[in-house]
Amino acid sequence: MSFYEDRVLPHIIDKACSMGQVMKLRSQVVPRARGRVLEVGMGSGINLEFYDQSRVEMVYGLEPSEGMRRKALPNLNRSPIAVEWLDLPGEKIPLEDNSVDTVLLTFTLCTIPDWHAALLQMKRVLKPGGDLLFLEHGEAPHETVRKWQHRITPGWKMFAGGCHLNRQIADLIRHAGFEIQELENLYMPNAPKIAGFIYKGRATKPV
């Protein structure tokens, strides 16, 4: 891991992912988590303040970046939620089959190299009928925005930790065998349209 990835990028991502409108969206999704939770791409622990302690038993925080885990320490120390770090990528989740009640994805699918393998792993560890809660940005429906997303993504990935601007998030989730129960799409206010088209919702693992 380079100095940029370990020491600089965590600060950039943390700042971008904790802006006012982003936090408002997080506050609408994270409290719905229940039971044993797997948060994929936990980052600096931004979501911890939004968990409902009365609904959540514990959180497995999957985060391969040592820099991110280090940056999360203040948030971990402030939170009453029990967190167990898993320092492997999303494609290698070290949990047993059908062992978690909720999987939480917030601005994570854009960066995972093998998104399909990762989603299959999430489905494997999620209990039948369990919830996949997602809050992601991705491909926009408007042609002009999409064109720019496709043009910019190759360069964008190089300095944004592998982030893709142009992934069709709902299709990825369906392709992995989840059933989407709720889906809301919107452009995030005060954000560039190329990076601000949001997919927010809930999917389930078939029983």
N, C-alpha and C. Protein backbone atom coordinates (compact mmCIF):
# COMPACT_ATOMS: atom_id res chain seq x y z
N MET A 1 0.85 -1.19 0.00
CA MET A 1 0.00 0.00 0.00
C MET A 1 0.88 1.25 0.00
N SER A 2 0.60 2.19 -0.87
CA SER A 2 1.40 3.40 -0.99
C SER A 2 1.13 4.37 0.15
N PHE A 3 2.03 5.36 0.30
CA PHE A 3 1.84 6.41 1.31
C PHE A 3 0.53 7.14 1.07
N TYR A 4 0.23 7.41 -0.20
CA TYR A 4 -1.01 8.11 -0.54
C TYR A 4 -2.22 7.31 -0.07
N GLU A 5 -2.23 6.00 -0.37
CA GLU A 5 -3.37 5.16 0.00
C GLU A 5 -3.52 5.01 1.50
N ASP A 6 -2.39 4.96 2.21
CA ASP A 6 -2.42 4.71 3.65
C ASP A 6 -2.62 5.97 4.48
N ARG A 7 -2.04 7.10 4.03
CA ARG A 7 -2.01 8.29 4.88
C ARG A 7 -2.84 9.46 4.35
N VAL A 8 -3.00 9.55 3.04
CA VAL A 8 -3.69 10.71 2.46
C VAL A 8 -5.13 10.37 2.09
N LEU A 9 -5.30 9.27 1.35
CA LEU A 9 -6.63 8.91 0.86
C LEU A 9 -7.68 8.74 1.96
N PRO A 10 -7.35 8.12 3.11
CA PRO A 10 -8.37 8.00 4.17
C PRO A 10 -8.95 9.33 4.60
N HIS A 11 -8.13 10.39 4.64
CA HIS A 11 -8.62 11.71 5.03
C HIS A 11 -9.54 12.30 3.95
N ILE A 12 -9.17 12.10 2.69
CA ILE A 12 -9.98 12.62 1.58
C ILE A 12 -11.35 11.93 1.57
N ILE A 13 -11.33 10.60 1.67
CA ILE A 13 -12.59 9.85 1.63
C ILE A 13 -13.47 10.19 2.83
N ASP A 14 -12.85 10.28 4.00
CA ASP A 14 -13.61 10.60 5.21
C ASP A 14 -14.28 11.97 5.08
N LYS A 15 -13.57 12.93 4.55
CA LYS A 15 -14.13 14.27 4.38
C LYS A 15 -15.28 14.27 3.38
N ALA A 16 -15.07 13.62 2.23
CA ALA A 16 -16.10 13.59 1.19
C ALA A 16 -17.35 12.84 1.64
N CYS A 17 -17.14 11.80 2.44
CA CYS A 17 -18.26 10.93 2.83
C CYS A 17 -18.95 11.37 4.12
N SER A 18 -18.54 12.51 4.67
CA SER A 18 -19.17 12.99 5.90
C SER A 18 -19.74 14.39 5.75
N MET A 19 -19.95 14.81 4.49
CA MET A 19 -20.57 16.11 4.25
C MET A 19 -22.04 16.07 4.67
N GLY A 20 -22.63 17.25 4.86
CA GLY A 20 -23.97 17.35 5.42
C GLY A 20 -25.02 16.52 4.74
N GLN A 21 -25.13 16.61 3.40
CA GLN A 21 -26.16 15.87 2.68
C GLN A 21 -25.90 14.36 2.73
N VAL A 22 -24.64 13.97 2.74
CA VAL A 22 -24.31 12.55 2.83
C VAL A 22 -24.72 12.01 4.19
N MET A 23 -24.44 12.77 5.22
CA MET A 23 -24.80 12.33 6.57
C MET A 23 -26.31 12.24 6.74
N LYS A 24 -27.03 13.14 6.11
CA LYS A 24 -28.50 13.08 6.17
C LYS A 24 -29.00 11.78 5.55
N LEU A 25 -28.43 11.39 4.42
CA LEU A 25 -28.83 10.14 3.79
C LEU A 25 -28.45 8.94 4.65
N ARG A 26 -27.27 8.99 5.25
CA ARG A 26 -26.86 7.90 6.14
C ARG A 26 -27.86 7.74 7.29
N SER A 27 -28.33 8.86 7.81
CA SER A 27 -29.24 8.82 8.96
C SER A 27 -30.58 8.20 8.61
N GLN A 28 -30.89 8.10 7.31
CA GLN A 28 -32.14 7.49 6.87
C GLN A 28 -32.01 5.98 6.64
N VAL A 29 -30.78 5.50 6.51
CA VAL A 29 -30.55 4.10 6.16
C VAL A 29 -30.02 3.28 7.33
N VAL A 30 -28.98 3.77 7.98
CA VAL A 30 -28.27 2.99 9.00
C VAL A 30 -29.16 2.56 10.17
N PRO A 31 -30.07 3.41 10.68
CA PRO A 31 -30.88 2.98 11.83
C PRO A 31 -31.77 1.77 11.56
N ARG A 32 -31.93 1.39 10.31
CA ARG A 32 -32.76 0.23 9.97
C ARG A 32 -32.03 -1.09 10.17
N ALA A 33 -30.73 -1.04 10.41
CA ALA A 33 -29.95 -2.26 10.64
C ALA A 33 -30.41 -2.93 11.93
N ARG A 34 -30.35 -4.27 11.93
CA ARG A 34 -30.81 -5.00 13.12
C ARG A 34 -29.96 -6.25 13.32
N GLY A 35 -29.95 -6.73 14.57
CA GLY A 35 -29.27 -7.97 14.90
C GLY A 35 -27.77 -7.90 14.76
N ARG A 36 -27.20 -8.95 14.22
CA ARG A 36 -25.77 -8.99 13.94
C ARG A 36 -25.57 -8.38 12.55
N VAL A 37 -24.77 -7.33 12.49
CA VAL A 37 -24.64 -6.54 11.27
C VAL A 37 -23.25 -6.71 10.68
N LEU A 38 -23.19 -6.87 9.38
CA LEU A 38 -21.92 -6.81 8.65
C LEU A 38 -21.90 -5.51 7.87
N GLU A 39 -21.02 -4.60 8.24
CA GLU A 39 -20.85 -3.36 7.49
C GLU A 39 -19.64 -3.52 6.58
N VAL A 40 -19.88 -3.54 5.29
CA VAL A 40 -18.81 -3.75 4.32
C VAL A 40 -18.24 -2.40 3.91
N GLY A 41 -16.93 -2.24 4.10
CA GLY A 41 -16.31 -0.95 3.84
C GLY A 41 -16.63 0.03 4.95
N MET A 42 -16.33 -0.36 6.18
CA MET A 42 -16.71 0.45 7.33
C MET A 42 -15.96 1.77 7.41
N GLY A 43 -14.80 1.80 6.76
CA GLY A 43 -14.06 3.06 6.69
C GLY A 43 -13.69 3.61 8.05
N SER A 44 -13.97 4.88 8.26
CA SER A 44 -13.60 5.55 9.51
C SER A 44 -14.71 5.48 10.56
N GLY A 45 -15.69 4.59 10.34
CA GLY A 45 -16.74 4.44 11.35
C GLY A 45 -17.76 5.55 11.35
N ILE A 46 -17.94 6.20 10.20
CA ILE A 46 -18.87 7.33 10.11
C ILE A 46 -20.29 6.91 10.49
N ASN A 47 -20.65 5.67 10.18
CA ASN A 47 -22.03 5.24 10.42
C ASN A 47 -22.35 4.92 11.88
N LEU A 48 -21.35 4.81 12.72
CA LEU A 48 -21.58 4.34 14.09
C LEU A 48 -22.60 5.19 14.84
N GLU A 49 -22.59 6.48 14.63
CA GLU A 49 -23.51 7.35 15.38
C GLU A 49 -24.97 7.11 15.00
N PHE A 50 -25.21 6.46 13.87
CA PHE A 50 -26.58 6.28 13.40
C PHE A 50 -27.19 4.92 13.75
N TYR A 51 -26.40 3.98 14.23
CA TYR A 51 -26.96 2.69 14.61
C TYR A 51 -27.90 2.85 15.80
N ASP A 52 -28.98 2.09 15.77
CA ASP A 52 -29.93 2.05 16.87
C ASP A 52 -29.48 0.96 17.84
N GLN A 53 -28.95 1.36 18.98
CA GLN A 53 -28.37 0.41 19.93
C GLN A 53 -29.40 -0.62 20.40
N SER A 54 -30.67 -0.25 20.42
CA SER A 54 -31.70 -1.17 20.89
C SER A 54 -32.00 -2.27 19.86
N ARG A 55 -31.57 -2.09 18.62
CA ARG A 55 -31.85 -3.05 17.54
C ARG A 55 -30.63 -3.87 17.14
N VAL A 56 -29.44 -3.39 17.48
CA VAL A 56 -28.21 -3.99 16.96
C VAL A 56 -27.47 -4.74 18.07
N GLU A 57 -27.16 -6.00 17.80
CA GLU A 57 -26.41 -6.82 18.75
C GLU A 57 -24.92 -6.49 18.69
N MET A 58 -24.39 -6.45 17.49
CA MET A 58 -22.98 -6.10 17.27
C MET A 58 -22.77 -5.85 15.79
N VAL A 59 -21.59 -5.28 15.46
CA VAL A 59 -21.26 -4.97 14.07
C VAL A 59 -19.91 -5.59 13.71
N TYR A 60 -19.89 -6.34 12.63
CA TYR A 60 -18.62 -6.75 12.03
C TYR A 60 -18.24 -5.65 11.04
N GLY A 61 -17.10 -5.03 11.26
CA GLY A 61 -16.65 -3.96 10.38
C GLY A 61 -15.60 -4.46 9.41
N LEU A 62 -16.01 -4.69 8.17
CA LEU A 62 -15.07 -5.18 7.16
C LEU A 62 -14.37 -3.99 6.53
N GLU A 63 -13.07 -3.89 6.75
CA GLU A 63 -12.31 -2.75 6.24
C GLU A 63 -10.85 -3.16 6.03
N PRO A 64 -10.44 -3.32 4.77
CA PRO A 64 -9.08 -3.77 4.50
C PRO A 64 -8.01 -2.69 4.66
N SER A 65 -8.40 -1.42 4.71
CA SER A 65 -7.42 -0.33 4.79
C SER A 65 -7.00 -0.07 6.23
N GLU A 66 -5.72 -0.26 6.50
CA GLU A 66 -5.20 0.02 7.84
C GLU A 66 -5.34 1.50 8.18
N GLY A 67 -5.16 2.35 7.16
CA GLY A 67 -5.30 3.79 7.38
C GLY A 67 -6.70 4.16 7.81
N MET A 68 -7.70 3.52 7.21
CA MET A 68 -9.08 3.77 7.57
C MET A 68 -9.38 3.26 8.98
N ARG A 69 -8.90 2.07 9.29
CA ARG A 69 -9.15 1.52 10.64
C ARG A 69 -8.50 2.40 11.70
N ARG A 70 -7.36 2.94 11.38
CA ARG A 70 -6.69 3.85 12.32
C ARG A 70 -7.51 5.12 12.50
N LYS A 71 -8.04 5.64 11.41
CA LYS A 71 -8.83 6.86 11.48
C LYS A 71 -10.14 6.65 12.21
N ALA A 72 -10.61 5.40 12.27
CA ALA A 72 -11.89 5.09 12.91
C ALA A 72 -11.82 5.08 14.44
N LEU A 73 -10.64 5.06 15.01
CA LEU A 73 -10.51 4.89 16.46
C LEU A 73 -11.32 5.90 17.28
N PRO A 74 -11.31 7.20 16.97
CA PRO A 74 -12.13 8.13 17.76
C PRO A 74 -13.62 7.80 17.71
N ASN A 75 -14.12 7.41 16.54
CA ASN A 75 -15.53 7.05 16.43
C ASN A 75 -15.84 5.77 17.19
N LEU A 76 -14.92 4.81 17.16
CA LEU A 76 -15.11 3.57 17.92
C LEU A 76 -15.16 3.85 19.41
N ASN A 77 -14.29 4.72 19.87
CA ASN A 77 -14.21 5.03 21.30
C ASN A 77 -15.46 5.75 21.80
N ARG A 78 -16.12 6.48 20.91
CA ARG A 78 -17.34 7.22 21.31
C ARG A 78 -18.60 6.37 21.23
N SER A 79 -18.54 5.25 20.52
CA SER A 79 -19.74 4.49 20.23
C SER A 79 -20.01 3.39 21.26
N PRO A 80 -21.28 3.20 21.65
CA PRO A 80 -21.62 2.08 22.53
C PRO A 80 -21.78 0.77 21.78
N ILE A 81 -21.73 0.82 20.46
CA ILE A 81 -21.91 -0.38 19.64
C ILE A 81 -20.63 -1.23 19.64
N ALA A 82 -20.78 -2.52 19.89
CA ALA A 82 -19.63 -3.43 19.85
C ALA A 82 -19.25 -3.69 18.39
N VAL A 83 -17.97 -3.48 18.08
CA VAL A 83 -17.47 -3.65 16.71
C VAL A 83 -16.32 -4.64 16.70
N GLU A 84 -16.37 -5.57 15.77
CA GLU A 84 -15.26 -6.50 15.54
C GLU A 84 -14.72 -6.27 14.13
N TRP A 85 -13.45 -5.86 14.04
CA TRP A 85 -12.85 -5.58 12.75
C TRP A 85 -12.59 -6.87 11.97
N LEU A 86 -12.84 -6.82 10.68
CA LEU A 86 -12.45 -7.85 9.73
C LEU A 86 -11.60 -7.15 8.69
N ASP A 87 -10.29 -7.44 8.67
CA ASP A 87 -9.39 -6.65 7.83
C ASP A 87 -9.10 -7.31 6.49
N LEU A 88 -10.14 -7.85 5.86
CA LEU A 88 -10.02 -8.47 4.54
C LEU A 88 -10.91 -7.72 3.56
N PRO A 89 -10.65 -7.85 2.26
CA PRO A 89 -11.51 -7.20 1.27
C PRO A 89 -12.88 -7.86 1.20
N GLY A 90 -13.82 -7.18 0.55
CA GLY A 90 -15.18 -7.66 0.46
C GLY A 90 -15.32 -8.99 -0.25
N GLU A 91 -14.35 -9.33 -1.09
CA GLU A 91 -14.42 -10.60 -1.81
C GLU A 91 -14.08 -11.79 -0.92
N LYS A 92 -13.59 -11.52 0.31
CA LYS A 92 -13.16 -12.59 1.22
C LYS A 92 -13.71 -12.31 2.62
N ILE A 93 -14.97 -12.60 2.84
CA ILE A 93 -15.59 -12.32 4.13
C ILE A 93 -15.42 -13.52 5.05
N PRO A 94 -14.67 -13.38 6.15
CA PRO A 94 -14.35 -14.53 7.02
C PRO A 94 -15.44 -14.80 8.06
N LEU A 95 -16.67 -15.00 7.58
CA LEU A 95 -17.79 -15.33 8.46
C LEU A 95 -18.50 -16.58 7.94
N GLU A 96 -19.21 -17.25 8.82
CA GLU A 96 -19.91 -18.46 8.43
C GLU A 96 -21.16 -18.15 7.60
N ASP A 97 -21.62 -19.13 6.88
CA ASP A 97 -22.85 -19.00 6.11
C ASP A 97 -24.02 -18.63 7.02
N ASN A 98 -24.92 -17.78 6.52
CA ASN A 98 -26.16 -17.46 7.24
C ASN A 98 -25.91 -17.00 8.67
N SER A 99 -24.92 -16.13 8.86
CA SER A 99 -24.53 -15.76 10.23
C SER A 99 -24.85 -14.32 10.60
N VAL A 100 -25.33 -13.48 9.67
CA VAL A 100 -25.66 -12.10 10.00
C VAL A 100 -27.09 -11.78 9.57
N ASP A 101 -27.69 -10.84 10.29
CA ASP A 101 -29.06 -10.44 10.02
C ASP A 101 -29.17 -9.30 9.02
N THR A 102 -28.14 -8.46 8.98
CA THR A 102 -28.14 -7.28 8.10
C THR A 102 -26.76 -7.10 7.49
N VAL A 103 -26.73 -6.79 6.22
CA VAL A 103 -25.50 -6.31 5.57
C VAL A 103 -25.73 -4.85 5.21
N LEU A 104 -24.77 -4.02 5.56
CA LEU A 104 -24.87 -2.58 5.29
C LEU A 104 -23.79 -2.16 4.30
N LEU A 105 -24.22 -1.49 3.24
CA LEU A 105 -23.31 -0.95 2.22
C LEU A 105 -23.56 0.54 2.08
N THR A 106 -22.57 1.35 2.40
CA THR A 106 -22.70 2.79 2.18
C THR A 106 -21.47 3.29 1.43
N PHE A 107 -21.67 3.65 0.19
CA PHE A 107 -20.61 4.18 -0.68
C PHE A 107 -19.41 3.23 -0.71
N THR A 108 -19.72 1.98 -0.98
CA THR A 108 -18.71 0.91 -0.96
C THR A 108 -18.63 0.16 -2.28
N LEU A 109 -19.78 -0.15 -2.89
CA LEU A 109 -19.77 -0.95 -4.12
C LEU A 109 -19.02 -0.27 -5.26
N CYS A 110 -18.90 1.03 -5.18
CA CYS A 110 -18.20 1.76 -6.25
C CYS A 110 -16.71 1.42 -6.29
N THR A 111 -16.16 0.95 -5.16
CA THR A 111 -14.71 0.75 -5.08
C THR A 111 -14.26 -0.70 -5.12
N ILE A 112 -15.13 -1.64 -4.81
CA ILE A 112 -14.72 -3.05 -4.73
C ILE A 112 -14.35 -3.56 -6.13
N PRO A 113 -13.12 -4.05 -6.32
CA PRO A 113 -12.71 -4.48 -7.66
C PRO A 113 -13.63 -5.55 -8.25
N ASP A 114 -13.84 -6.64 -7.52
CA ASP A 114 -14.70 -7.71 -8.01
C ASP A 114 -16.04 -7.62 -7.28
N TRP A 115 -16.88 -6.73 -7.75
CA TRP A 115 -18.15 -6.48 -7.06
C TRP A 115 -19.04 -7.72 -7.01
N HIS A 116 -18.99 -8.55 -8.06
CA HIS A 116 -19.85 -9.72 -8.10
C HIS A 116 -19.43 -10.73 -7.05
N ALA A 117 -18.14 -11.01 -6.95
CA ALA A 117 -17.66 -11.94 -5.92
C ALA A 117 -17.99 -11.42 -4.53
N ALA A 118 -17.86 -10.11 -4.33
CA ALA A 118 -18.15 -9.53 -3.02
C ALA A 118 -19.62 -9.67 -2.66
N LEU A 119 -20.50 -9.38 -3.60
CA LEU A 119 -21.93 -9.49 -3.33
C LEU A 119 -22.34 -10.94 -3.08
N LEU A 120 -21.72 -11.88 -3.77
CA LEU A 120 -22.01 -13.29 -3.51
C LEU A 120 -21.57 -13.68 -2.11
N GLN A 121 -20.46 -13.13 -1.65
CA GLN A 121 -20.02 -13.37 -0.28
C GLN A 121 -21.00 -12.77 0.73
N MET A 122 -21.49 -11.58 0.44
CA MET A 122 -22.47 -10.96 1.34
C MET A 122 -23.74 -11.80 1.40
N LYS A 123 -24.17 -12.31 0.26
CA LYS A 123 -25.37 -13.15 0.24
C LYS A 123 -25.13 -14.45 1.00
N ARG A 124 -23.93 -14.98 0.91
CA ARG A 124 -23.61 -16.23 1.61
C ARG A 124 -23.74 -16.07 3.12
N VAL A 125 -23.21 -14.97 3.67
CA VAL A 125 -23.20 -14.81 5.13
C VAL A 125 -24.52 -14.26 5.67
N LEU A 126 -25.36 -13.70 4.81
CA LEU A 126 -26.64 -13.14 5.25
C LEU A 126 -27.66 -14.27 5.44
N LYS A 127 -28.42 -14.18 6.52
CA LYS A 127 -29.46 -15.17 6.77
C LYS A 127 -30.56 -15.07 5.72
N PRO A 128 -31.21 -16.16 5.38
CA PRO A 128 -32.36 -16.10 4.47
C PRO A 128 -33.41 -15.12 5.01
N GLY A 129 -33.87 -14.23 4.16
CA GLY A 129 -34.81 -13.20 4.60
C GLY A 129 -34.14 -11.98 5.20
N GLY A 130 -32.81 -12.04 5.38
CA GLY A 130 -32.08 -10.91 5.94
C GLY A 130 -32.01 -9.74 4.98
N ASP A 131 -31.68 -8.57 5.52
CA ASP A 131 -31.69 -7.33 4.74
C ASP A 131 -30.30 -6.92 4.27
N LEU A 132 -30.21 -6.52 3.03
CA LEU A 132 -29.07 -5.78 2.51
C LEU A 132 -29.52 -4.33 2.38
N LEU A 133 -29.01 -3.47 3.25
CA LEU A 133 -29.32 -2.04 3.20
C LEU A 133 -28.23 -1.36 2.40
N PHE A 134 -28.61 -0.53 1.44
CA PHE A 134 -27.59 0.09 0.60
C PHE A 134 -27.84 1.57 0.38
N LEU A 135 -26.74 2.30 0.35
CA LEU A 135 -26.71 3.72 0.04
C LEU A 135 -25.46 3.93 -0.79
N GLU A 136 -25.63 4.05 -2.09
CA GLU A 136 -24.50 4.07 -3.02
C GLU A 136 -24.69 5.15 -4.07
N HIS A 137 -23.60 5.56 -4.68
CA HIS A 137 -23.71 6.44 -5.84
C HIS A 137 -23.29 5.65 -7.07
N GLY A 138 -23.82 6.05 -8.23
CA GLY A 138 -23.50 5.28 -9.42
C GLY A 138 -24.03 5.92 -10.68
N GLU A 139 -24.24 5.06 -11.68
CA GLU A 139 -24.61 5.54 -13.01
C GLU A 139 -25.93 6.31 -12.97
N ALA A 140 -25.92 7.47 -13.61
CA ALA A 140 -27.10 8.33 -13.67
C ALA A 140 -27.98 7.96 -14.86
N PRO A 141 -29.27 8.31 -14.81
CA PRO A 141 -30.18 7.96 -15.90
C PRO A 141 -30.12 8.90 -17.09
N HIS A 142 -29.50 10.04 -16.93
CA HIS A 142 -29.50 11.04 -18.00
C HIS A 142 -28.25 10.91 -18.86
N GLU A 143 -28.45 10.89 -20.16
CA GLU A 143 -27.37 10.56 -21.10
C GLU A 143 -26.16 11.48 -20.97
N THR A 144 -26.38 12.77 -20.83
CA THR A 144 -25.26 13.70 -20.74
C THR A 144 -24.40 13.42 -19.52
N VAL A 145 -25.05 13.15 -18.38
CA VAL A 145 -24.30 12.83 -17.16
C VAL A 145 -23.57 11.51 -17.32
N ARG A 146 -24.24 10.52 -17.87
CA ARG A 146 -23.62 9.20 -18.06
C ARG A 146 -22.37 9.28 -18.92
N LYS A 147 -22.44 10.07 -19.99
CA LYS A 147 -21.27 10.20 -20.87
C LYS A 147 -20.06 10.71 -20.09
N TRP A 148 -20.30 11.73 -19.26
CA TRP A 148 -19.19 12.27 -18.47
C TRP A 148 -18.72 11.27 -17.42
N GLN A 149 -19.64 10.52 -16.85
CA GLN A 149 -19.23 9.50 -15.88
C GLN A 149 -18.30 8.48 -16.53
N HIS A 150 -18.64 8.04 -17.74
CA HIS A 150 -17.81 7.05 -18.42
C HIS A 150 -16.46 7.64 -18.83
N ARG A 151 -16.44 8.91 -19.22
CA ARG A 151 -15.19 9.55 -19.61
C ARG A 151 -14.25 9.75 -18.43
N ILE A 152 -14.82 10.15 -17.30
CA ILE A 152 -14.00 10.55 -16.16
C ILE A 152 -13.55 9.37 -15.30
N THR A 153 -14.34 8.30 -15.26
CA THR A 153 -14.07 7.19 -14.33
C THR A 153 -12.65 6.64 -14.41
N PRO A 154 -12.05 6.40 -15.59
CA PRO A 154 -10.69 5.83 -15.60
C PRO A 154 -9.67 6.67 -14.83
N GLY A 155 -9.72 7.98 -14.99
CA GLY A 155 -8.81 8.84 -14.24
C GLY A 155 -9.22 9.00 -12.79
N TRP A 156 -10.53 9.09 -12.57
CA TRP A 156 -11.07 9.27 -11.22
C TRP A 156 -10.63 8.14 -10.30
N LYS A 157 -10.65 6.91 -10.81
CA LYS A 157 -10.30 5.74 -10.00
C LYS A 157 -8.88 5.84 -9.44
N MET A 158 -8.00 6.49 -10.19
CA MET A 158 -6.59 6.52 -9.81
C MET A 158 -6.35 7.31 -8.53
N PHE A 159 -7.14 8.36 -8.30
CA PHE A 159 -6.90 9.15 -7.08
C PHE A 159 -8.02 9.00 -6.06
N ALA A 160 -9.09 8.25 -6.41
CA ALA A 160 -10.23 8.12 -5.50
C ALA A 160 -10.39 6.71 -4.97
N GLY A 161 -9.29 6.00 -4.83
CA GLY A 161 -9.34 4.69 -4.19
C GLY A 161 -10.06 3.63 -4.98
N GLY A 162 -10.06 3.74 -6.31
CA GLY A 162 -10.72 2.75 -7.15
C GLY A 162 -12.19 3.01 -7.37
N CYS A 163 -12.68 4.19 -6.96
CA CYS A 163 -14.10 4.52 -7.07
C CYS A 163 -14.54 4.62 -8.53
N HIS A 164 -15.61 3.91 -8.87
CA HIS A 164 -16.24 3.99 -10.19
C HIS A 164 -17.45 4.91 -10.09
N LEU A 165 -17.55 5.84 -10.99
CA LEU A 165 -18.71 6.74 -11.02
C LEU A 165 -19.89 6.14 -11.77
N ASN A 166 -19.65 5.06 -12.51
CA ASN A 166 -20.61 4.61 -13.52
C ASN A 166 -21.13 3.19 -13.32
N ARG A 167 -21.17 2.71 -12.09
CA ARG A 167 -21.73 1.38 -11.85
C ARG A 167 -23.25 1.48 -11.64
N GLN A 168 -23.97 0.57 -12.28
CA GLN A 168 -25.43 0.54 -12.16
C GLN A 168 -25.76 -0.30 -10.93
N ILE A 169 -25.85 0.34 -9.79
CA ILE A 169 -25.88 -0.35 -8.51
C ILE A 169 -27.04 -1.33 -8.38
N ALA A 170 -28.23 -0.92 -8.76
CA ALA A 170 -29.39 -1.81 -8.62
C ALA A 170 -29.21 -3.09 -9.44
N ASP A 171 -28.68 -2.95 -10.64
CA ASP A 171 -28.46 -4.12 -11.49
C ASP A 171 -27.42 -5.06 -10.88
N LEU A 172 -26.38 -4.49 -10.26
CA LEU A 172 -25.35 -5.33 -9.64
C LEU A 172 -25.96 -6.16 -8.52
N ILE A 173 -26.79 -5.53 -7.70
CA ILE A 173 -27.41 -6.22 -6.57
C ILE A 173 -28.33 -7.33 -7.06
N ARG A 174 -29.12 -7.03 -8.07
CA ARG A 174 -30.02 -8.06 -8.63
C ARG A 174 -29.23 -9.20 -9.25
N HIS A 175 -28.15 -8.86 -9.94
CA HIS A 175 -27.35 -9.87 -10.64
C HIS A 175 -26.76 -10.89 -9.66
N ALA A 176 -26.52 -10.46 -8.42
CA ALA A 176 -25.96 -11.37 -7.41
C ALA A 176 -27.03 -12.22 -6.74
N GLY A 177 -28.29 -12.03 -7.12
CA GLY A 177 -29.34 -12.89 -6.60
C GLY A 177 -30.15 -12.30 -5.45
N PHE A 178 -29.93 -11.04 -5.12
CA PHE A 178 -30.76 -10.38 -4.11
C PHE A 178 -32.06 -9.91 -4.75
N GLU A 179 -33.08 -9.79 -3.93
CA GLU A 179 -34.37 -9.26 -4.39
C GLU A 179 -34.55 -7.86 -3.81
N ILE A 180 -34.59 -6.86 -4.67
CA ILE A 180 -34.75 -5.48 -4.20
C ILE A 180 -36.20 -5.24 -3.80
N GLN A 181 -36.37 -4.84 -2.55
CA GLN A 181 -37.71 -4.58 -2.01
C GLN A 181 -38.05 -3.09 -2.03
N GLU A 182 -37.04 -2.26 -1.88
CA GLU A 182 -37.23 -0.81 -1.87
C GLU A 182 -36.08 -0.16 -2.64
N LEU A 183 -36.38 0.83 -3.45
CA LEU A 183 -35.33 1.54 -4.18
C LEU A 183 -35.76 2.97 -4.42
N GLU A 184 -34.91 3.89 -4.01
CA GLU A 184 -35.13 5.31 -4.26
C GLU A 184 -33.90 5.86 -4.97
N ASN A 185 -34.12 6.59 -6.04
CA ASN A 185 -33.03 7.24 -6.77
C ASN A 185 -33.20 8.74 -6.71
N LEU A 186 -32.09 9.44 -6.57
CA LEU A 186 -32.12 10.90 -6.52
C LEU A 186 -30.73 11.45 -6.79
N TYR A 187 -30.69 12.69 -7.23
CA TYR A 187 -29.43 13.42 -7.26
C TYR A 187 -29.24 14.08 -5.91
N MET A 188 -28.08 13.87 -5.31
CA MET A 188 -27.81 14.47 -4.02
C MET A 188 -27.67 15.99 -4.17
N PRO A 189 -28.40 16.77 -3.37
CA PRO A 189 -28.32 18.22 -3.48
C PRO A 189 -26.90 18.74 -3.27
N ASN A 190 -26.56 19.75 -4.02
CA ASN A 190 -25.27 20.45 -3.86
C ASN A 190 -24.06 19.56 -4.16
N ALA A 191 -24.27 18.51 -4.94
CA ALA A 191 -23.15 17.64 -5.32
C ALA A 191 -23.05 17.60 -6.84
N PRO A 192 -21.85 17.44 -7.38
CA PRO A 192 -21.72 17.29 -8.83
C PRO A 192 -22.53 16.10 -9.31
N LYS A 193 -23.28 16.26 -10.39
CA LYS A 193 -24.16 15.19 -10.85
C LYS A 193 -23.39 13.93 -11.21
N ILE A 194 -22.17 14.05 -11.68
CA ILE A 194 -21.41 12.86 -12.07
C ILE A 194 -21.10 11.97 -10.87
N ALA A 195 -21.05 12.55 -9.68
CA ALA A 195 -20.72 11.76 -8.48
C ALA A 195 -21.88 11.71 -7.49
N GLY A 196 -23.02 12.29 -7.86
CA GLY A 196 -24.08 12.47 -6.89
C GLY A 196 -25.39 11.79 -7.18
N PHE A 197 -25.40 10.82 -8.12
CA PHE A 197 -26.65 10.11 -8.35
C PHE A 197 -26.72 8.94 -7.39
N ILE A 198 -27.76 8.91 -6.55
CA ILE A 198 -27.83 8.02 -5.40
C ILE A 198 -28.81 6.86 -5.64
N TYR A 199 -28.39 5.69 -5.16
CA TYR A 199 -29.23 4.51 -5.07
C TYR A 199 -29.40 4.20 -3.59
N LYS A 200 -30.62 4.27 -3.08
CA LYS A 200 -30.88 4.07 -1.65
C LYS A 200 -32.00 3.05 -1.50
N GLY A 201 -31.78 2.00 -0.71
CA GLY A 201 -32.86 1.05 -0.58
C GLY A 201 -32.54 -0.17 0.26
N ARG A 202 -33.35 -1.18 0.05
CA ARG A 202 -33.26 -2.43 0.81
C ARG A 202 -33.51 -3.62 -0.12
N ALA A 203 -32.63 -4.61 0.00
CA ALA A 203 -32.81 -5.85 -0.73
C ALA A 203 -32.78 -7.00 0.26
N THR A 204 -33.31 -8.13 -0.13
CA THR A 204 -33.34 -9.29 0.76
C THR A 204 -32.72 -10.51 0.08
N LYS A 205 -32.25 -11.41 0.93
CA LYS A 205 -31.79 -12.71 0.44
C LYS A 205 -33.01 -13.63 0.38
N PRO A 206 -33.26 -14.24 -0.75
CA PRO A 206 -34.43 -15.10 -0.86
C PRO A 206 -34.45 -16.20 0.20
N VAL A 207 -35.61 -16.50 0.70
CA VAL A 207 -35.77 -17.54 1.72
C VAL A 207 -35.75 -18.92 1.05
